[in-house]
PDB file of N, CA and C in Angstrom:
ATOM      1  N   MET A   1       0.845  -1.185   0.000  1.00  0.00           N
ATOM      2  CA  MET A   1       0.000   0.000   0.000  1.00  0.00           C
ATOM      3  C   MET A   1       0.883   1.237   0.000  1.00  0.00           C
ATOM      4  N   ALA A   2       0.311   2.278  -0.505  1.00  0.00           N
ATOM      5  CA  ALA A   2       1.035   3.535  -0.590  1.00  0.00           C
ATOM      6  C   ALA A   2       1.076   4.200   0.780  1.00  0.00           C
ATOM      7  N   PRO A   3       2.077   5.006   1.033  1.00  0.00           N
ATOM      8  CA  PRO A   3       2.178   5.686   2.334  1.00  0.00           C
ATOM      9  C   PRO A   3       0.956   6.569   2.638  1.00  0.00           C
ATOM     10  N   GLN A   4       0.343   7.125   1.579  1.00  0.00           N
ATOM     11  CA  GLN A   4      -0.842   7.961   1.798  1.00  0.00           C
ATOM     12  C   GLN A   4      -1.993   7.119   2.374  1.00  0.00           C
ATOM     13  N   ALA A   5      -2.098   5.882   1.966  1.00  0.00           N
ATOM     14  CA  ALA A   5      -3.152   5.014   2.481  1.00  0.00           C
ATOM     15  C   ALA A   5      -2.912   4.709   3.950  1.00  0.00           C
ATOM     16  N   TRP A   6      -1.664   4.459   4.311  1.00  0.00           N
ATOM     17  CA  TRP A   6      -1.342   4.200   5.715  1.00  0.00           C
ATOM     18  C   TRP A   6      -1.638   5.429   6.581  1.00  0.00           C
ATOM     19  N   VAL A   7      -1.317   6.594   6.065  1.00  0.00           N
ATOM     20  CA  VAL A   7      -1.587   7.828   6.819  1.00  0.00           C
ATOM     21  C   VAL A   7      -3.091   8.014   6.972  1.00  0.00           C
ATOM     22  N   THR A   8      -3.846   7.747   5.907  1.00  0.00           N
ATOM     23  CA  THR A   8      -5.303   7.868   5.972  1.00  0.00           C
ATOM     24  C   THR A   8      -5.882   6.886   6.983  1.00  0.00           C
ATOM     25  N   LEU A   9      -5.394   5.640   6.979  1.00  0.00           N
ATOM     26  CA  LEU A   9      -5.866   4.653   7.948  1.00  0.00           C
ATOM     27  C   LEU A   9      -5.504   5.046   9.378  1.00  0.00           C
ATOM     28  N   ALA A  10      -4.317   5.594   9.563  1.00  0.00           N
ATOM     29  CA  ALA A  10      -3.892   6.015  10.900  1.00  0.00           C
ATOM     30  C   ALA A  10      -4.757   7.166  11.408  1.00  0.00           C
ATOM     31  N   ILE A  11      -5.004   8.130  10.527  1.00  0.00           N
ATOM     32  CA  ILE A  11      -5.843   9.268  10.929  1.00  0.00           C
ATOM     33  C   ILE A  11      -7.264   8.790  11.226  1.00  0.00           C
ATOM     34  N   GLY A  12      -7.779   7.895  10.403  1.00  0.00           N
ATOM     35  CA  GLY A  12      -9.117   7.343  10.662  1.00  0.00           C
ATOM     36  C   GLY A  12      -9.169   6.594  11.975  1.00  0.00           C
ATOM     37  N   ALA A  13      -8.123   5.817  12.273  1.00  0.00           N
ATOM     38  CA  ALA A  13      -8.080   5.089  13.542  1.00  0.00           C
ATOM     39  C   ALA A  13      -8.016   6.057  14.723  1.00  0.00           C
ATOM     40  N   LEU A  14      -7.259   7.136  14.588  1.00  0.00           N
ATOM     41  CA  LEU A  14      -7.203   8.139  15.659  1.00  0.00           C
ATOM     42  C   LEU A  14      -8.564   8.789  15.882  1.00  0.00           C
ATOM     43  N   ILE A  15      -9.243   9.111  14.798  1.00  0.00           N
ATOM     44  CA  ILE A  15     -10.563   9.745  14.920  1.00  0.00           C
ATOM     45  C   ILE A  15     -11.540   8.781  15.603  1.00  0.00           C
ATOM     46  N   VAL A  16     -11.542   7.519  15.162  1.00  0.00           N
ATOM     47  CA  VAL A  16     -12.437   6.523  15.767  1.00  0.00           C
ATOM     48  C   VAL A  16     -12.072   6.314  17.234  1.00  0.00           C
ATOM     49  N   GLY A  17     -10.780   6.259  17.544  1.00  0.00           N
ATOM     50  CA  GLY A  17     -10.338   6.066  18.928  1.00  0.00           C
ATOM     51  C   GLY A  17     -10.759   7.205  19.830  1.00  0.00           C
ATOM     52  N   PHE A  18     -10.529   8.440  19.390  1.00  0.00           N
ATOM     53  CA  PHE A  18     -10.919   9.595  20.205  1.00  0.00           C
ATOM     54  C   PHE A  18     -12.435   9.667  20.372  1.00  0.00           C
ATOM     55  N   THR A  19     -13.174   9.327  19.319  1.00  0.00           N
ATOM     56  CA  THR A  19     -14.635   9.324  19.415  1.00  0.00           C
ATOM     57  C   THR A  19     -15.105   8.257  20.396  1.00  0.00           C
ATOM     58  N   ALA A  20     -14.484   7.082  20.367  1.00  0.00           N
ATOM     59  CA  ALA A  20     -14.848   6.015  21.297  1.00  0.00           C
ATOM     60  C   ALA A  20     -14.570   6.435  22.735  1.00  0.00           C
ATOM     61  N   ILE A  21     -13.439   7.060  22.975  1.00  0.00           N
ATOM     62  CA  ILE A  21     -13.104   7.524  24.326  1.00  0.00           C
ATOM     63  C   ILE A  21     -14.107   8.572  24.789  1.00  0.00           C
ATOM     64  N   ALA A  22     -14.467   9.500  23.899  1.00  0.00           N
ATOM     65  CA  ALA A  22     -15.441  10.535  24.260  1.00  0.00           C
ATOM     66  C   ALA A  22     -16.793   9.909  24.592  1.00  0.00           C
ATOM     67  N   LEU A  23     -17.214   8.920  23.798  1.00  0.00           N
ATOM     68  CA  LEU A  23     -18.505   8.271  24.067  1.00  0.00           C
ATOM     69  C   LEU A  23     -18.481   7.489  25.372  1.00  0.00           C
ATOM     70  N   ILE A  24     -17.369   6.864  25.683  1.00  0.00           N
ATOM     71  CA  ILE A  24     -17.259   6.148  26.961  1.00  0.00           C
ATOM     72  C   ILE A  24     -17.345   7.128  28.123  1.00  0.00           C
ATOM     73  N   ARG A  25     -16.689   8.278  27.995  1.00  0.00           N
ATOM     74  CA  ARG A  25     -16.779   9.291  29.056  1.00  0.00           C
ATOM     75  C   ARG A  25     -18.208   9.779  29.221  1.00  0.00           C
ATOM     76  N   ILE A  26     -18.918   9.969  28.109  1.00  0.00           N
ATOM     77  CA  ILE A  26     -20.318  10.405  28.172  1.00  0.00           C
ATOM     78  C   ILE A  26     -21.165   9.346  28.872  1.00  0.00           C
ATOM     79  N   ILE A  27     -20.931   8.083  28.554  1.00  0.00           N
ATOM     80  CA  ILE A  27     -21.684   7.000  29.194  1.00  0.00           C
ATOM     81  C   ILE A  27     -21.432   6.987  30.694  1.00  0.00           C
ATOM     82  N   VAL A  28     -20.180   7.175  31.096  1.00  0.00           N
ATOM     83  CA  VAL A  28     -19.852   7.194  32.526  1.00  0.00           C
ATOM     84  C   VAL A  28     -20.567   8.349  33.219  1.00  0.00           C
ATOM     85  N   HIS A  29     -20.590   9.512  32.593  1.00  0.00           N
ATOM     86  CA  HIS A  29     -21.282  10.659  33.190  1.00  0.00           C
ATOM     87  C   HIS A  29     -22.784  10.414  33.274  1.00  0.00           C
ATOM     88  N   LEU A  30     -23.353   9.803  32.245  1.00  0.00           N
ATOM     89  CA  LEU A  30     -24.788   9.531  32.276  1.00  0.00           C
ATOM     90  C   LEU A  30     -25.153   8.510  33.345  1.00  0.00           C
ATOM     91  N   VAL A  31     -24.310   7.527  33.553  1.00  0.00           N
ATOM     92  CA  VAL A  31     -24.554   6.559  34.627  1.00  0.00           C
ATOM     93  C   VAL A  31     -24.517   7.260  35.977  1.00  0.00           C
ATOM     94  N   HIS A  32     -23.562   8.173  36.153  1.00  0.00           N
ATOM     95  CA  HIS A  32     -23.479   8.928  37.411  1.00  0.00           C
ATOM     96  C   HIS A  32     -24.729   9.788  37.601  1.00  0.00           C
ATOM     97  N   VAL A  33     -25.167  10.460  36.543  1.00  0.00           N
ATOM     98  CA  VAL A  33     -26.377  11.289  36.631  1.00  0.00           C
ATOM     99  C   VAL A  33     -27.585  10.425  36.971  1.00  0.00           C
ATOM    100  N   ARG A  34     -27.654   9.233  36.395  1.00  0.00           N
ATOM    101  CA  ARG A  34     -28.774   8.331  36.691  1.00  0.00           C
ATOM    102  C   ARG A  34     -28.786   7.941  38.160  1.00  0.00           C
ATOM    103  N   MET A  35     -27.627   7.662  38.730  1.00  0.00           N
ATOM    104  CA  MET A  35     -27.572   7.300  40.151  1.00  0.00           C
ATOM    105  C   MET A  35     -27.972   8.478  41.029  1.00  0.00           C
ATOM    106  N   VAL A  36     -27.516   9.672  40.674  1.00  0.00           N
ATOM    107  CA  VAL A  36     -27.863  10.858  41.460  1.00  0.00           C
ATOM    108  C   VAL A  36     -29.362  11.129  41.369  1.00  0.00           C
ATOM    109  N   LEU A  37     -29.928  11.003  40.182  1.00  0.00           N
ATOM    110  CA  LEU A  37     -31.365  11.229  40.041  1.00  0.00           C
ATOM    111  C   LEU A  37     -32.172  10.172  40.801  1.00  0.00           C
ATOM    112  N   GLY A  38     -31.681   8.952  40.836  1.00  0.00           N
ATOM    113  CA  GLY A  38     -32.351   7.924  41.633  1.00  0.00           C
ATOM    114  C   GLY A  38     -32.356   8.289  43.100  1.00  0.00           C
ATOM    115  N   THR A  39     -31.236   8.813  43.592  1.00  0.00           N
ATOM    116  CA  THR A  39     -31.155   9.246  44.985  1.00  0.00           C
ATOM    117  C   THR A  39     -32.105  10.410  45.247  1.00  0.00           C
ATOM    118  N   VAL A  40     -32.186  11.336  44.301  1.00  0.00           N
ATOM    119  CA  VAL A  40     -33.086  12.481  44.461  1.00  0.00           C
ATOM    120  C   VAL A  40     -34.539  12.012  44.496  1.00  0.00           C
ATOM    121  N   VAL A  41     -34.892  11.080  43.634  1.00  0.00           N
ATOM    122  CA  VAL A  41     -36.272  10.578  43.604  1.00  0.00           C
ATOM    123  C   VAL A  41     -36.615   9.899  44.927  1.00  0.00           C
ATOM    124  N   VAL A  42     -35.700   9.100  45.455  1.00  0.00           N
ATOM    125  CA  VAL A  42     -35.939   8.448  46.747  1.00  0.00           C
ATOM    126  C   VAL A  42     -36.101   9.496  47.837  1.00  0.00           C
ATOM    127  N   GLY A  43     -35.292  10.537  47.814  1.00  0.00           N
ATOM    128  CA  GLY A  43     -35.411  11.612  48.803  1.00  0.00           C
ATOM    129  C   GLY A  43     -36.739  12.336  48.710  1.00  0.00           C
ATOM    130  N   VAL A  44     -37.176  12.616  47.497  1.00  0.00           N
ATOM    131  CA  VAL A  44     -38.458  13.306  47.310  1.00  0.00           C
ATOM    132  C   VAL A  44     -39.606  12.420  47.781  1.00  0.00           C
ATOM    133  N   LEU A  45     -39.545  11.133  47.474  1.00  0.00           N
ATOM    134  CA  LEU A  45     -40.609  10.233  47.936  1.00  0.00           C
ATOM    135  C   LEU A  45     -40.621  10.116  49.455  1.00  0.00           C
ATOM    136  N   THR A  46     -39.449  10.148  50.074  1.00  0.00           N
ATOM    137  CA  THR A  46     -39.377  10.111  51.539  1.00  0.00           C
ATOM    138  C   THR A  46     -39.988  11.364  52.135  1.00  0.00           C
ATOM    139  N   ILE A  47     -39.651  12.506  51.578  1.00  0.00           N
ATOM    140  CA  ILE A  47     -40.232  13.768  52.064  1.00  0.00           C
ATOM    141  C   ILE A  47     -41.743  13.753  51.874  1.00  0.00           C
ATOM    142  N   ASP A  48     -42.193  13.252  50.739  1.00  0.00           N
ATOM    143  CA  ASP A  48     -43.636  13.182  50.477  1.00  0.00           C
ATOM    144  C   ASP A  48     -44.331  12.302  51.513  1.00  0.00           C
ATOM    145  N   ARG A  49     -43.722  11.156  51.819  1.00  0.00           N
ATOM    146  CA  ARG A  49     -44.328  10.249  52.796  1.00  0.00           C
ATOM    147  C   ARG A  49     -44.336  10.861  54.192  1.00  0.00           C
ATOM    148  N   GLN A  50     -43.263  11.577  54.550  1.00  0.00           N
ATOM    149  CA  GLN A  50     -43.169  12.137  55.901  1.00  0.00           C
ATOM    150  C   GLN A  50     -44.035  13.375  56.091  1.00  0.00           C
ATOM    151  N   THR A  51     -44.464  13.994  55.020  1.00  0.00           N
ATOM    152  CA  THR A  51     -45.270  15.210  55.134  1.00  0.00           C
ATOM    153  C   THR A  51     -46.715  14.971  54.696  1.00  0.00           C
ATOM    154  N   GLU A  52     -47.188  13.745  54.854  1.00  0.00           N
ATOM    155  CA  GLU A  52     -48.580  13.456  54.524  1.00  0.00           C
ATOM    156  C   GLU A  52     -49.501  14.224  55.468  1.00  0.00           C
ATOM    157  N   PRO A  53     -50.717  14.487  55.030  1.00  0.00           N
ATOM    158  CA  PRO A  53     -51.664  15.173  55.906  1.00  0.00           C
ATOM    159  C   PRO A  53     -51.923  14.349  57.170  1.00  0.00           C
ATOM    160  N   VAL A  54     -52.134  15.029  58.281  1.00  0.00           N
ATOM    161  CA  VAL A  54     -52.328  14.333  59.551  1.00  0.00           C
ATOM    162  C   VAL A  54     -53.793  14.009  59.822  1.00  0.00           C
ATOM    163  N   GLY A  55     -54.696  14.458  58.971  1.00  0.00           N
ATOM    164  CA  GLY A  55     -56.120  14.206  59.174  1.00  0.00           C
ATOM    165  C   GLY A  55     -56.456  12.738  59.305  1.00  0.00           C
ATOM    166  N   PRO A  56     -56.065  11.891  58.366  1.00  0.00           N
ATOM    167  CA  PRO A  56     -56.378  10.463  58.503  1.00  0.00           C
ATOM    168  C   PRO A  56     -55.729   9.836  59.738  1.00  0.00           C
ATOM    169  N   ALA A  57     -54.536  10.278  60.087  1.00  0.00           N
ATOM    170  CA  ALA A  57     -53.860   9.729  61.267  1.00  0.00           C
ATOM    171  C   ALA A  57     -54.606  10.129  62.531  1.00  0.00           C
ATOM    172  N   ILE A  58     -55.065  11.357  62.595  1.00  0.00           N
ATOM    173  CA  ILE A  58     -55.801  11.820  63.777  1.00  0.00           C
ATOM    174  C   ILE A  58     -57.119  11.060  63.898  1.00  0.00           C
ATOM    175  N   ALA A  59     -57.780  10.835  62.774  1.00  0.00           N
ATOM    176  CA  ALA A  59     -59.039  10.081  62.819  1.00  0.00           C
ATOM    177  C   ALA A  59     -58.797   8.654  63.318  1.00  0.00           C
ATOM    178  N   ALA A  60     -57.705   8.046  62.903  1.00  0.00           N
ATOM    179  CA  ALA A  60     -57.391   6.686  63.356  1.00  0.00           C
ATOM    180  C   ALA A  60     -57.068   6.669  64.846  1.00  0.00           C
ATOM    181  N   VAL A  61     -56.342   7.666  65.330  1.00  0.00           N
ATOM    182  CA  VAL A  61     -56.014   7.730  66.759  1.00  0.00           C
ATOM    183  C   VAL A  61     -57.273   7.965  67.575  1.00  0.00           C
ATOM    184  N   ASN A  62     -58.129   8.871  67.123  1.00  0.00           N
ATOM    185  CA  ASN A  62     -59.380   9.124  67.840  1.00  0.00           C
ATOM    186  C   ASN A  62     -60.257   7.874  67.891  1.00  0.00           C
ATOM    187  N   ALA A  63     -60.281   7.112  66.792  1.00  0.00           N
ATOM    188  CA  ALA A  63     -61.079   5.887  66.775  1.00  0.00           C
ATOM    189  C   ALA A  63     -60.530   4.858  67.750  1.00  0.00           C
ATOM    190  N   SER A  64     -59.212   4.780  67.856  1.00  0.00           N
ATOM    191  CA  SER A  64     -58.639   3.801  68.790  1.00  0.00           C
ATOM    192  C   SER A  64     -58.784   4.257  70.238  1.00  0.00           C
ATOM    193  N   LEU A  65     -58.935   5.550  70.496  1.00  0.00           N
ATOM    194  CA  LEU A  65     -59.098   6.052  71.864  1.00  0.00           C
ATOM    195  C   LEU A  65     -60.559   6.179  72.287  1.00  0.00           C
ATOM    196  N   ARG A  66     -61.487   5.857  71.405  1.00  0.00           N
ATOM    197  CA  ARG A  66     -62.913   5.976  71.722  1.00  0.00           C
ATOM    198  C   ARG A  66     -63.297   5.136  72.939  1.00  0.00           C
ATOM    199  N   PRO A  67     -62.824   3.899  73.083  1.00  0.00           N
ATOM    200  CA  PRO A  67     -63.184   3.125  74.297  1.00  0.00           C
ATOM    201  C   PRO A  67     -62.658   3.779  75.570  1.00  0.00           C
ATOM    202  N   VAL A  68     -61.497   4.382  75.511  1.00  0.00           N
ATOM    203  CA  VAL A  68     -60.947   5.062  76.692  1.00  0.00           C
ATOM    204  C   VAL A  68     -61.824   6.268  77.053  1.00  0.00           C
ATOM    205  N   ARG A  69     -62.243   7.017  76.041  1.00  0.00           N
ATOM    206  CA  ARG A  69     -63.096   8.176  76.306  1.00  0.00           C
ATOM    207  C   ARG A  69     -64.426   7.738  76.882  1.00  0.00           C
ATOM    208  N   ASN A  70     -65.002   6.679  76.341  1.00  0.00           N
ATOM    209  CA  ASN A  70     -66.275   6.179  76.865  1.00  0.00           C
ATOM    210  C   ASN A  70     -66.138   5.732  78.312  1.00  0.00           C
ATOM    211  N   PHE A  71     -65.047   5.058  78.641  1.00  0.00           N
ATOM    212  CA  PHE A  71     -64.822   4.623  80.024  1.00  0.00           C
ATOM    213  C   PHE A  71     -64.643   5.829  80.940  1.00  0.00           C
ATOM    214  N   ALA A  72     -63.900   6.843  80.471  1.00  0.00           N
ATOM    215  CA  ALA A  72     -63.683   8.031  81.297  1.00  0.00           C
ATOM    216  C   ALA A  72     -64.996   8.779  81.540  1.00  0.00           C
ATOM    217  N   GLU A  73     -65.857   8.830  80.554  1.00  0.00           N
ATOM    218  CA  GLU A  73     -67.146   9.506  80.728  1.00  0.00           C
ATOM    219  C   GLU A  73     -68.061   8.727  81.674  1.00  0.00           C
ATOM    220  N   SER A  74     -67.941   7.422  81.701  1.00  0.00           N
ATOM    221  CA  SER A  74     -68.803   6.636  82.570  1.00  0.00           C
ATOM    222  C   SER A  74     -68.376   6.714  84.020  1.00  0.00           C
ATOM    223  N   VAL A  75     -67.140   7.119  84.264  1.00  0.00           N
ATOM    224  CA  VAL A  75     -66.651   7.215  85.640  1.00  0.00           C
ATOM    225  C   VAL A  75     -67.105   8.500  86.177  1.00  0.00           C
TER     226      VAL A  75
END
């Protein structure tokens, strides 16, 4: 093969190599972003669960204390 062909193949290999390295770096960054977003979603769901309205909880507590209130009123 002519030297020009070898130079063309070398330049093509360099371009493909640098592109592959860049794509691998992008994949690594995207995996990191995915893990961070997963952590954020878990945090948001935890906050959502911890800040639920207290109305249903109060109704459940009042229902469980109804026998105590009835006994106290009868005394």
